[in-house]
Amino acid sequence: MKIKIRTNLVSGILMALFSGYMLFVMPKQVKVPAYDSGAPSPRIIPGICLVVILICSIVLIIQSLVFKKEKIVVFDWEKEKPAIFLIAMLCIYVFLIIKIGFILASVITFVVILYYCGERKPFIYIFTIALAVGIYFLFSKVFHVSLPGGPFFGG
């Protein structure tokens, strides 16, 4: 299945929606200090960035619709499927870290990714599991950064 994507139009619309939504949500998310210290508001830099993104998005949309400047990219599902799978696995990894902890999430996710990529050597799997455990203890014991432990390492 191949899909033709007009890059300027699609990216302009997506980024305009994103920046518009973020500008709408920002007052609820980033609070202004109760006291006036004379310093700029914490909303100023993100607000400026979002307005610039919105302006650039509108320029892209105008380029596409009015000036017909467009680059068309063909999205071939068969070629993109492995990359989409890996992105999906990393999203699942983030979800699993929260639910079952860093070590179990790392073991499950990276073992599945290694198997999907065609790795069959047992040493690589053992190394990956040892690396996940090592990184967990490095961060928790040496750097004193708490990672979600899951059911076996302090929930």
Foldseek 3Di string as FASTA:
>chain_A
DKDKDFVLQVQLVVLLVVLVVCVVCVCVVQDFDPDCPVDDGPCVVVNVVSVVSNVSSVVSNCCCPPVVDTDIDMDDCVVCVLVVVLVVLVVVLVVCCVVANQLVSQLVSVVVNCVVVPDDDVVVSVVSSVVSVVVQCCCCPVVVHHGGHGDPGPD
